[in-house]
Amino acid sequence: MQFDEKWSFVGKKEKHCDRDNPDDDLCGDCWDHVALDPEHRLVVSVVVGHRTEDSSQRLVEDFHQRTGGRLMNLMTSDENPAYAEAILLTYGETVQPRRQGKRGRRPAPTKRPRKGLIYATVHKTRENNRVVHVEQRLIYGTMSALVMALAASPVSEAVNTVFVERHNGTDRHRNARKVRKTYRFSKDWEVHAAVSYFTLYSYNFCWPVRTLRQRDAQGKWQPRTPALAAGLTDHVWPLREWLAFPGVQRE
């Protein structure tokens, strides 16, 4: 699983906002926090909002809920420190430190990484605004476990965030509000968030990905969406079907 954020803005850029003016409360920088499954290119979780520790925490918690709380083989992100804390709080186990003496209060419970939790980050060195060196840094887990996770990965041989970063570019192409240097930027925060969720989640079922296609028995290429590749459906959905599908399923 790869975590990343994508920048956009609503109304005007952050540098032009006056945070003492209530009219600017819903203006300025707005970030898409995305959790992407790189094997199937599936967008699992999205949180739209300010780039804060709370947004990162909500993203990891939502991802944890959607995947049934099971540990991933490997989780990666950039060096945003909020993810390390959010992953520890969400996936870590609570331990009670021993009291040093016989008097006084017991130490407060703390969190520690669970066995099997593997999380690594990508450190990028830039020169003249260009990436010249990429270094992997292991945050949770052991190096031997990281090597085994990469060996078992069908898509990556090294720690990276290239799949979610590539998807960022795809979403900018699909959502004109996020194209750089344009007059089509959003003017309303709620509408911006709604369109963001619309494009990011409809992508899973309605957008065939070229690198996911497969040949059928006759040797013809068959298109596949992320949801189809992940086994969540058996066909490419037209947008009308996705829009008409009930958001809440009743048993």
C-alpha atoms as a PDB file:
ATOM      1  CA  MET A   1       0.000   0.000   0.000  1.00  0.00           C
ATOM      2  CA  GLN A   2       1.255   3.459  -0.929  1.00  0.00           C
ATOM      3  CA  PHE A   3       0.194   6.701   0.787  1.00  0.00           C
ATOM      4  CA  ASP A   4       0.596  10.165  -0.719  1.00  0.00           C
ATOM      5  CA  GLU A   5      -0.946  13.645  -0.933  1.00  0.00           C
ATOM      6  CA  LYS A   6      -1.819  15.690  -4.002  1.00  0.00           C
ATOM      7  CA  TRP A   7      -2.040  19.486  -3.874  1.00  0.00           C
ATOM      8  CA  SER A   8      -4.736  21.721  -5.281  1.00  0.00           C
ATOM      9  CA  PHE A   9      -6.455  24.888  -4.099  1.00  0.00           C
ATOM     10  CA  VAL A  10      -9.925  26.380  -3.764  1.00  0.00           C
ATOM     11  CA  GLY A  11     -10.795  30.009  -4.425  1.00  0.00           C
ATOM     12  CA  LYS A  12      -7.223  31.278  -4.179  1.00  0.00           C
ATOM     13  CA  LYS A  13      -3.820  29.989  -3.257  1.00  0.00           C
ATOM     14  CA  GLU A  14      -2.749  29.772   0.373  1.00  0.00           C
ATOM     15  CA  LYS A  15      -0.305  32.670   0.109  1.00  0.00           C
ATOM     16  CA  HIS A  16      -3.193  35.006  -0.748  1.00  0.00           C
ATOM     17  CA  CYS A  17      -5.414  33.866   2.171  1.00  0.00           C
ATOM     18  CA  ASP A  18      -5.910  35.838   5.350  1.00  0.00           C
ATOM     19  CA  ARG A  19      -6.394  33.308   8.156  1.00  0.00           C
ATOM     20  CA  ASP A  20      -7.820  36.066  10.387  1.00  0.00           C
ATOM     21  CA  ASN A  21     -10.637  36.577   7.869  1.00  0.00           C
ATOM     22  CA  PRO A  22     -13.533  34.084   8.275  1.00  0.00           C
ATOM     23  CA  ASP A  23     -14.307  34.449   4.558  1.00  0.00           C
ATOM     24  CA  ASP A  24     -11.043  32.633   3.809  1.00  0.00           C
ATOM     25  CA  ASP A  25     -11.765  29.634   6.039  1.00  0.00           C
ATOM     26  CA  LEU A  26     -12.832  27.545   3.028  1.00  0.00           C
ATOM     27  CA  CYS A  27     -10.212  28.868   0.652  1.00  0.00           C
ATOM     28  CA  GLY A  28      -6.577  28.028   0.044  1.00  0.00           C
ATOM     29  CA  ASP A  29      -4.616  24.800  -0.223  1.00  0.00           C
ATOM     30  CA  CYS A  30      -6.619  21.589  -0.403  1.00  0.00           C
ATOM     31  CA  TRP A  31      -4.971  18.160  -0.478  1.00  0.00           C
ATOM     32  CA  ASP A  32      -6.101  14.726  -1.624  1.00  0.00           C
ATOM     33  CA  HIS A  33      -4.738  12.151   0.828  1.00  0.00           C
ATOM     34  CA  VAL A  34      -4.791   8.849  -1.076  1.00  0.00           C
ATOM     35  CA  ALA A  35      -4.110   5.214  -0.178  1.00  0.00           C
ATOM     36  CA  LEU A  36      -3.446   3.207  -3.356  1.00  0.00           C
ATOM     37  CA  ASP A  37      -2.982  -0.518  -3.923  1.00  0.00           C
ATOM     38  CA  PRO A  38      -0.104  -0.571  -6.466  1.00  0.00           C
ATOM     39  CA  GLU A  39      -0.695  -4.150  -7.635  1.00  0.00           C
ATOM     40  CA  HIS A  40      -4.240  -3.479  -8.850  1.00  0.00           C
ATOM     41  CA  ARG A  41      -4.000   0.371  -9.103  1.00  0.00           C
ATOM     42  CA  LEU A  42      -6.997   0.449  -6.755  1.00  0.00           C
ATOM     43  CA  VAL A  43      -7.821   3.637  -4.842  1.00  0.00           C
ATOM     44  CA  VAL A  44      -8.742   2.230  -1.431  1.00  0.00           C
ATOM     45  CA  SER A  45      -9.165   5.357   0.712  1.00  0.00           C
ATOM     46  CA  VAL A  46      -9.368   9.105   0.147  1.00  0.00           C
ATOM     47  CA  VAL A  47      -9.469  12.058   2.540  1.00  0.00           C
ATOM     48  CA  VAL A  48      -9.843  15.553   1.053  1.00  0.00           C
ATOM     49  CA  GLY A  49      -8.846  18.511   3.205  1.00  0.00           C
ATOM     50  CA  HIS A  50      -5.963  20.406   4.735  1.00  0.00           C
ATOM     51  CA  ARG A  51      -2.548  18.733   4.941  1.00  0.00           C
ATOM     52  CA  THR A  52      -2.580  18.054   8.663  1.00  0.00           C
ATOM     53  CA  GLU A  53      -1.816  15.204  11.035  1.00  0.00           C
ATOM     54  CA  ASP A  54      -5.557  14.726  11.504  1.00  0.00           C
ATOM     55  CA  SER A  55      -6.083  14.176   7.758  1.00  0.00           C
ATOM     56  CA  SER A  56      -3.299  11.581   7.657  1.00  0.00           C
ATOM     57  CA  GLN A  57      -4.736   9.854  10.720  1.00  0.00           C
ATOM     58  CA  ARG A  58      -8.215   9.717   9.187  1.00  0.00           C
ATOM     59  CA  LEU A  59      -6.773   8.282   5.965  1.00  0.00           C
ATOM     60  CA  VAL A  60      -4.935   5.466   7.749  1.00  0.00           C
ATOM     61  CA  GLU A  61      -7.947   4.715   9.957  1.00  0.00           C
ATOM     62  CA  ASP A  62     -10.271   4.577   6.936  1.00  0.00           C
ATOM     63  CA  PHE A  63      -7.850   2.290   5.112  1.00  0.00           C
ATOM     64  CA  HIS A  64      -7.574   0.086   8.201  1.00  0.00           C
ATOM     65  CA  GLN A  65     -11.372  -0.238   8.349  1.00  0.00           C
ATOM     66  CA  ARG A  66     -11.808  -0.939   4.633  1.00  0.00           C
ATOM     67  CA  THR A  67      -9.199  -3.722   4.707  1.00  0.00           C
ATOM     68  CA  GLY A  68     -10.576  -5.400   7.822  1.00  0.00           C
ATOM     69  CA  GLY A  69      -7.621  -4.381   9.983  1.00  0.00           C
ATOM     70  CA  ARG A  70      -5.234  -6.926   8.474  1.00  0.00           C
ATOM     71  CA  LEU A  71      -1.555  -6.093   8.074  1.00  0.00           C
ATOM     72  CA  MET A  72      -0.304  -5.285   4.595  1.00  0.00           C
ATOM     73  CA  ASN A  73       2.821  -6.945   3.214  1.00  0.00           C
ATOM     74  CA  LEU A  74       4.380  -3.498   2.923  1.00  0.00           C
ATOM     75  CA  MET A  75       3.278   0.109   3.399  1.00  0.00           C
ATOM     76  CA  THR A  76       5.226   3.034   1.926  1.00  0.00           C
ATOM     77  CA  SER A  77       4.924   6.806   1.763  1.00  0.00           C
ATOM     78  CA  ASP A  78       6.998   9.935   1.380  1.00  0.00           C
ATOM     79  CA  GLU A  79       8.688  11.462   4.432  1.00  0.00           C
ATOM     80  CA  ASN A  80       5.555  13.082   5.833  1.00  0.00           C
ATOM     81  CA  PRO A  81       6.055  12.245   9.557  1.00  0.00           C
ATOM     82  CA  ALA A  82       2.299  12.196  10.164  1.00  0.00           C
ATOM     83  CA  TYR A  83       2.028   8.765   8.518  1.00  0.00           C
ATOM     84  CA  ALA A  84       4.473   7.114  10.900  1.00  0.00           C
ATOM     85  CA  GLU A  85       2.480   8.318  13.896  1.00  0.00           C
ATOM     86  CA  ALA A  86      -0.866   7.439  12.289  1.00  0.00           C
ATOM     87  CA  ILE A  87       0.278   3.919  11.365  1.00  0.00           C
ATOM     88  CA  LEU A  88       1.628   3.318  14.867  1.00  0.00           C
ATOM     89  CA  LEU A  89      -1.598   4.513  16.506  1.00  0.00           C
ATOM     90  CA  THR A  90      -3.773   2.472  14.146  1.00  0.00           C
ATOM     91  CA  TYR A  91      -1.764  -0.731  13.729  1.00  0.00           C
ATOM     92  CA  GLY A  92       0.386  -0.722  16.858  1.00  0.00           C
ATOM     93  CA  GLU A  93      -0.284  -2.756  19.975  1.00  0.00           C
ATOM     94  CA  THR A  94      -0.784  -1.157  23.380  1.00  0.00           C
ATOM     95  CA  VAL A  95       1.764  -2.062  26.063  1.00  0.00           C
ATOM     96  CA  GLN A  96       1.876  -1.161  29.743  1.00  0.00           C
ATOM     97  CA  PRO A  97       5.406  -0.185  30.863  1.00  0.00           C
ATOM     98  CA  ARG A  98       6.519  -1.525  34.207  1.00  0.00           C
ATOM     99  CA  ARG A  99       6.631   0.814  37.160  1.00  0.00           C
ATOM    100  CA  GLN A 100      10.193   1.517  38.227  1.00  0.00           C
ATOM    101  CA  GLY A 101       9.424   1.678  41.958  1.00  0.00           C
ATOM    102  CA  LYS A 102       6.675   0.659  44.338  1.00  0.00           C
ATOM    103  CA  ARG A 103       5.263   4.158  44.720  1.00  0.00           C
ATOM    104  CA  GLY A 104       3.696   6.634  42.401  1.00  0.00           C
ATOM    105  CA  ARG A 105       1.434   6.320  39.433  1.00  0.00           C
ATOM    106  CA  ARG A 106       1.839   3.610  36.845  1.00  0.00           C
ATOM    107  CA  PRO A 107       3.340   4.817  33.553  1.00  0.00           C
ATOM    108  CA  ALA A 108       0.825   5.614  30.844  1.00  0.00           C
ATOM    109  CA  PRO A 109       0.251   2.878  28.229  1.00  0.00           C
ATOM    110  CA  THR A 110       2.259   3.295  25.029  1.00  0.00           C
ATOM    111  CA  LYS A 111       2.078   1.975  21.479  1.00  0.00           C
ATOM    112  CA  ARG A 112       4.664  -0.210  19.792  1.00  0.00           C
ATOM    113  CA  PRO A 113       4.729  -1.727  16.281  1.00  0.00           C
ATOM    114  CA  ARG A 114       3.013  -5.081  15.950  1.00  0.00           C
ATOM    115  CA  LYS A 115       4.988  -8.074  14.760  1.00  0.00           C
ATOM    116  CA  GLY A 116       4.773  -8.197  10.981  1.00  0.00           C
ATOM    117  CA  LEU A 117       4.208  -4.454  10.506  1.00  0.00           C
ATOM    118  CA  ILE A 118       6.502  -3.177   7.749  1.00  0.00           C
ATOM    119  CA  TYR A 119       6.535   0.504   6.866  1.00  0.00           C
ATOM    120  CA  ALA A 120       9.214   2.317   4.863  1.00  0.00           C
ATOM    121  CA  THR A 121       9.570   5.815   3.428  1.00  0.00           C
ATOM    122  CA  VAL A 122      11.199   7.351   0.385  1.00  0.00           C
ATOM    123  CA  HIS A 123      13.775  10.115   0.929  1.00  0.00           C
ATOM    124  CA  LYS A 124      14.367  12.233  -2.187  1.00  0.00           C
ATOM    125  CA  THR A 125      17.384  14.485  -2.672  1.00  0.00           C
ATOM    126  CA  ARG A 126      16.742  17.389  -5.038  1.00  0.00           C
ATOM    127  CA  GLU A 127      19.055  19.739  -6.894  1.00  0.00           C
ATOM    128  CA  ASN A 128      17.679  22.625  -8.949  1.00  0.00           C
ATOM    129  CA  ASN A 129      14.167  21.312  -8.243  1.00  0.00           C
ATOM    130  CA  ARG A 130      14.977  17.906  -9.756  1.00  0.00           C
ATOM    131  CA  VAL A 131      15.275  14.558  -7.963  1.00  0.00           C
ATOM    132  CA  VAL A 132      18.877  13.348  -8.191  1.00  0.00           C
ATOM    133  CA  HIS A 133      18.872  10.594  -5.561  1.00  0.00           C
ATOM    134  CA  VAL A 134      16.269   8.382  -3.869  1.00  0.00           C
ATOM    135  CA  GLU A 135      16.959   6.591  -0.590  1.00  0.00           C
ATOM    136  CA  GLN A 136      14.728   4.099   1.211  1.00  0.00           C
ATOM    137  CA  ARG A 137      14.338   4.335   4.985  1.00  0.00           C
ATOM    138  CA  LEU A 138      12.820   1.576   7.101  1.00  0.00           C
ATOM    139  CA  ILE A 139      10.577   2.949   9.874  1.00  0.00           C
ATOM    140  CA  TYR A 140       8.834  -0.144  11.287  1.00  0.00           C
ATOM    141  CA  GLY A 141       9.822  -3.772  10.885  1.00  0.00           C
ATOM    142  CA  THR A 142      13.108  -5.530  10.173  1.00  0.00           C
ATOM    143  CA  MET A 143      15.325  -5.264   7.136  1.00  0.00           C
ATOM    144  CA  SER A 144      15.008  -8.993   6.465  1.00  0.00           C
ATOM    145  CA  ALA A 145      11.200  -8.700   6.493  1.00  0.00           C
ATOM    146  CA  LEU A 146      11.406  -5.735   4.110  1.00  0.00           C
ATOM    147  CA  VAL A 147      13.613  -7.691   1.708  1.00  0.00           C
ATOM    148  CA  MET A 148      11.167 -10.610   1.775  1.00  0.00           C
ATOM    149  CA  ALA A 149       8.211  -8.285   1.153  1.00  0.00           C
ATOM    150  CA  LEU A 150       9.913  -6.734  -1.866  1.00  0.00           C
ATOM    151  CA  ALA A 151      10.884 -10.164  -3.194  1.00  0.00           C
ATOM    152  CA  ALA A 152       7.246 -11.259  -2.997  1.00  0.00           C
ATOM    153  CA  SER A 153       5.900  -8.081  -4.588  1.00  0.00           C
ATOM    154  CA  PRO A 154       4.609  -8.533  -8.167  1.00  0.00           C
ATOM    155  CA  VAL A 155       5.155  -4.854  -9.030  1.00  0.00           C
ATOM    156  CA  SER A 156       8.191  -3.443  -7.182  1.00  0.00           C
ATOM    157  CA  GLU A 157      11.760  -4.416  -6.406  1.00  0.00           C
ATOM    158  CA  ALA A 158      12.461  -1.366  -4.239  1.00  0.00           C
ATOM    159  CA  VAL A 159      10.657   0.919  -1.805  1.00  0.00           C
ATOM    160  CA  ASN A 160       8.875   3.604  -3.819  1.00  0.00           C
ATOM    161  CA  THR A 161       5.722   5.691  -4.219  1.00  0.00           C
ATOM    162  CA  VAL A 162       5.764   5.783  -8.025  1.00  0.00           C
ATOM    163  CA  PHE A 163       2.361   4.133  -8.477  1.00  0.00           C
ATOM    164  CA  VAL A 164       0.425   6.580  -6.339  1.00  0.00           C
ATOM    165  CA  GLU A 165       2.397   9.481  -7.832  1.00  0.00           C
ATOM    166  CA  ARG A 166       1.531   8.270 -11.324  1.00  0.00           C
ATOM    167  CA  HIS A 167      -2.095   8.063 -10.294  1.00  0.00           C
ATOM    168  CA  ASN A 168      -1.901  11.671  -9.109  1.00  0.00           C
ATOM    169  CA  GLY A 169      -1.136  12.662 -12.687  1.00  0.00           C
ATOM    170  CA  THR A 170      -4.020  10.554 -14.002  1.00  0.00           C
ATOM    171  CA  ASP A 171      -6.454  12.203 -11.600  1.00  0.00           C
ATOM    172  CA  ARG A 172      -5.291  15.679 -12.590  1.00  0.00           C
ATOM    173  CA  HIS A 173      -6.063  14.692 -16.183  1.00  0.00           C
ATOM    174  CA  ARG A 174      -9.553  13.490 -15.231  1.00  0.00           C
ATOM    175  CA  ASN A 175     -10.374  16.417 -12.936  1.00  0.00           C
ATOM    176  CA  ALA A 176      -9.905  19.770 -14.665  1.00  0.00           C
ATOM    177  CA  ARG A 177     -10.131  21.603 -11.332  1.00  0.00           C
ATOM    178  CA  LYS A 178      -6.675  20.267 -10.427  1.00  0.00           C
ATOM    179  CA  VAL A 179      -4.829  21.027 -13.659  1.00  0.00           C
ATOM    180  CA  ARG A 180      -1.898  23.302 -12.891  1.00  0.00           C
ATOM    181  CA  LYS A 181      -1.865  26.914 -14.126  1.00  0.00           C
ATOM    182  CA  THR A 182      -5.519  27.115 -15.122  1.00  0.00           C
ATOM    183  CA  TYR A 183      -8.571  29.318 -14.509  1.00  0.00           C
ATOM    184  CA  ARG A 184     -10.716  26.218 -13.966  1.00  0.00           C
ATOM    185  CA  PHE A 185      -9.813  25.881 -10.281  1.00  0.00           C
ATOM    186  CA  SER A 186     -12.640  25.274  -7.793  1.00  0.00           C
ATOM    187  CA  LYS A 187     -14.439  28.230  -6.244  1.00  0.00           C
ATOM    188  CA  ASP A 188     -16.368  26.232  -3.606  1.00  0.00           C
ATOM    189  CA  TRP A 189     -14.751  23.910  -1.018  1.00  0.00           C
ATOM    190  CA  GLU A 190     -17.626  21.418  -0.740  1.00  0.00           C
ATOM    191  CA  VAL A 191     -18.059  21.127  -4.501  1.00  0.00           C
ATOM    192  CA  HIS A 192     -14.311  20.626  -4.871  1.00  0.00           C
ATOM    193  CA  ALA A 193     -14.353  17.798  -2.313  1.00  0.00           C
ATOM    194  CA  ALA A 194     -17.397  16.178  -3.936  1.00  0.00           C
ATOM    195  CA  VAL A 195     -15.848  16.174  -7.405  1.00  0.00           C
ATOM    196  CA  SER A 196     -12.587  14.835  -5.955  1.00  0.00           C
ATOM    197  CA  TYR A 197     -14.318  11.843  -4.372  1.00  0.00           C
ATOM    198  CA  PHE A 198     -16.306  11.335  -7.581  1.00  0.00           C
ATOM    199  CA  THR A 199     -13.283  11.134  -9.891  1.00  0.00           C
ATOM    200  CA  LEU A 200     -11.085   9.161  -7.486  1.00  0.00           C
ATOM    201  CA  TYR A 201     -13.600   6.436  -6.647  1.00  0.00           C
ATOM    202  CA  SER A 202     -15.287   6.120 -10.073  1.00  0.00           C
ATOM    203  CA  TYR A 203     -11.794   5.483 -11.450  1.00  0.00           C
ATOM    204  CA  ASN A 204     -11.809   2.091  -9.700  1.00  0.00           C
ATOM    205  CA  PHE A 205     -14.778   0.700 -11.613  1.00  0.00           C
ATOM    206  CA  CYS A 206     -15.125   2.787 -14.789  1.00  0.00           C
ATOM    207  CA  TRP A 207     -11.573   3.583 -15.960  1.00  0.00           C
ATOM    208  CA  PRO A 208      -9.711   0.740 -17.754  1.00  0.00           C
ATOM    209  CA  VAL A 209      -5.975   0.919 -17.082  1.00  0.00           C
ATOM    210  CA  ARG A 210      -3.739   0.017 -20.012  1.00  0.00           C
ATOM    211  CA  THR A 211      -1.142  -1.788 -17.897  1.00  0.00           C
ATOM    212  CA  LEU A 212      -3.843  -4.016 -16.366  1.00  0.00           C
ATOM    213  CA  ARG A 213      -5.238  -5.405 -19.633  1.00  0.00           C
ATOM    214  CA  GLN A 214      -5.017  -9.133 -20.346  1.00  0.00           C
ATOM    215  CA  ARG A 215      -5.244 -11.342 -23.432  1.00  0.00           C
ATOM    216  CA  ASP A 216      -8.249 -13.652 -23.695  1.00  0.00           C
ATOM    217  CA  ALA A 217      -8.334 -17.173 -25.147  1.00  0.00           C
ATOM    218  CA  GLN A 218      -8.496 -15.716 -28.681  1.00  0.00           C
ATOM    219  CA  GLY A 219      -5.437 -13.558 -28.059  1.00  0.00           C
ATOM    220  CA  LYS A 220      -7.370 -10.279 -27.968  1.00  0.00           C
ATOM    221  CA  TRP A 221      -6.585  -7.664 -25.365  1.00  0.00           C
ATOM    222  CA  GLN A 222      -9.349  -7.283 -22.800  1.00  0.00           C
ATOM    223  CA  PRO A 223      -9.543  -4.004 -20.807  1.00  0.00           C
ATOM    224  CA  ARG A 224      -9.549  -4.190 -17.021  1.00  0.00           C
ATOM    225  CA  THR A 225     -10.293  -1.620 -14.370  1.00  0.00           C
ATOM    226  CA  PRO A 226      -8.624  -1.646 -10.923  1.00  0.00           C
ATOM    227  CA  ALA A 227     -11.786  -3.135  -9.383  1.00  0.00           C
ATOM    228  CA  LEU A 228     -11.854  -5.862 -12.039  1.00  0.00           C
ATOM    229  CA  ALA A 229      -8.169  -6.648 -11.483  1.00  0.00           C
ATOM    230  CA  ALA A 230      -8.749  -6.823  -7.722  1.00  0.00           C
ATOM    231  CA  GLY A 231     -11.650  -9.247  -8.115  1.00  0.00           C
ATOM    232  CA  LEU A 232     -14.296  -6.805  -6.878  1.00  0.00           C
ATOM    233  CA  THR A 233     -16.359  -7.069 -10.062  1.00  0.00           C
ATOM    234  CA  ASP A 234     -16.529  -9.113 -13.258  1.00  0.00           C
ATOM    235  CA  HIS A 235     -16.916  -6.338 -15.845  1.00  0.00           C
ATOM    236  CA  VAL A 236     -16.021  -2.749 -16.691  1.00  0.00           C
ATOM    237  CA  TRP A 237     -18.787  -0.535 -15.333  1.00  0.00           C
ATOM    238  CA  PRO A 238     -20.302   2.256 -17.425  1.00  0.00           C
ATOM    239  CA  LEU A 239     -20.533   5.456 -15.443  1.00  0.00           C
ATOM    240  CA  ARG A 240     -24.344   5.233 -15.398  1.00  0.00           C
ATOM    241  CA  GLU A 241     -24.167   1.888 -13.577  1.00  0.00           C
ATOM    242  CA  TRP A 242     -21.704   3.235 -11.002  1.00  0.00           C
ATOM    243  CA  LEU A 243     -23.850   6.308 -10.320  1.00  0.00           C
ATOM    244  CA  ALA A 244     -26.998   4.202  -9.935  1.00  0.00           C
ATOM    245  CA  PHE A 245     -25.413   1.660  -7.573  1.00  0.00           C
ATOM    246  CA  PRO A 246     -26.752   2.048  -3.995  1.00  0.00           C
ATOM    247  CA  GLY A 247     -24.159   3.480  -1.659  1.00  0.00           C
ATOM    248  CA  VAL A 248     -25.507   1.390   1.253  1.00  0.00           C
ATOM    249  CA  GLN A 249     -26.144  -2.309   0.758  1.00  0.00           C
ATOM    250  CA  ARG A 250     -28.897  -4.010   2.751  1.00  0.00           C
ATOM    251  CA  GLU A 251     -28.760  -7.705   3.534  1.00  0.00           C
END
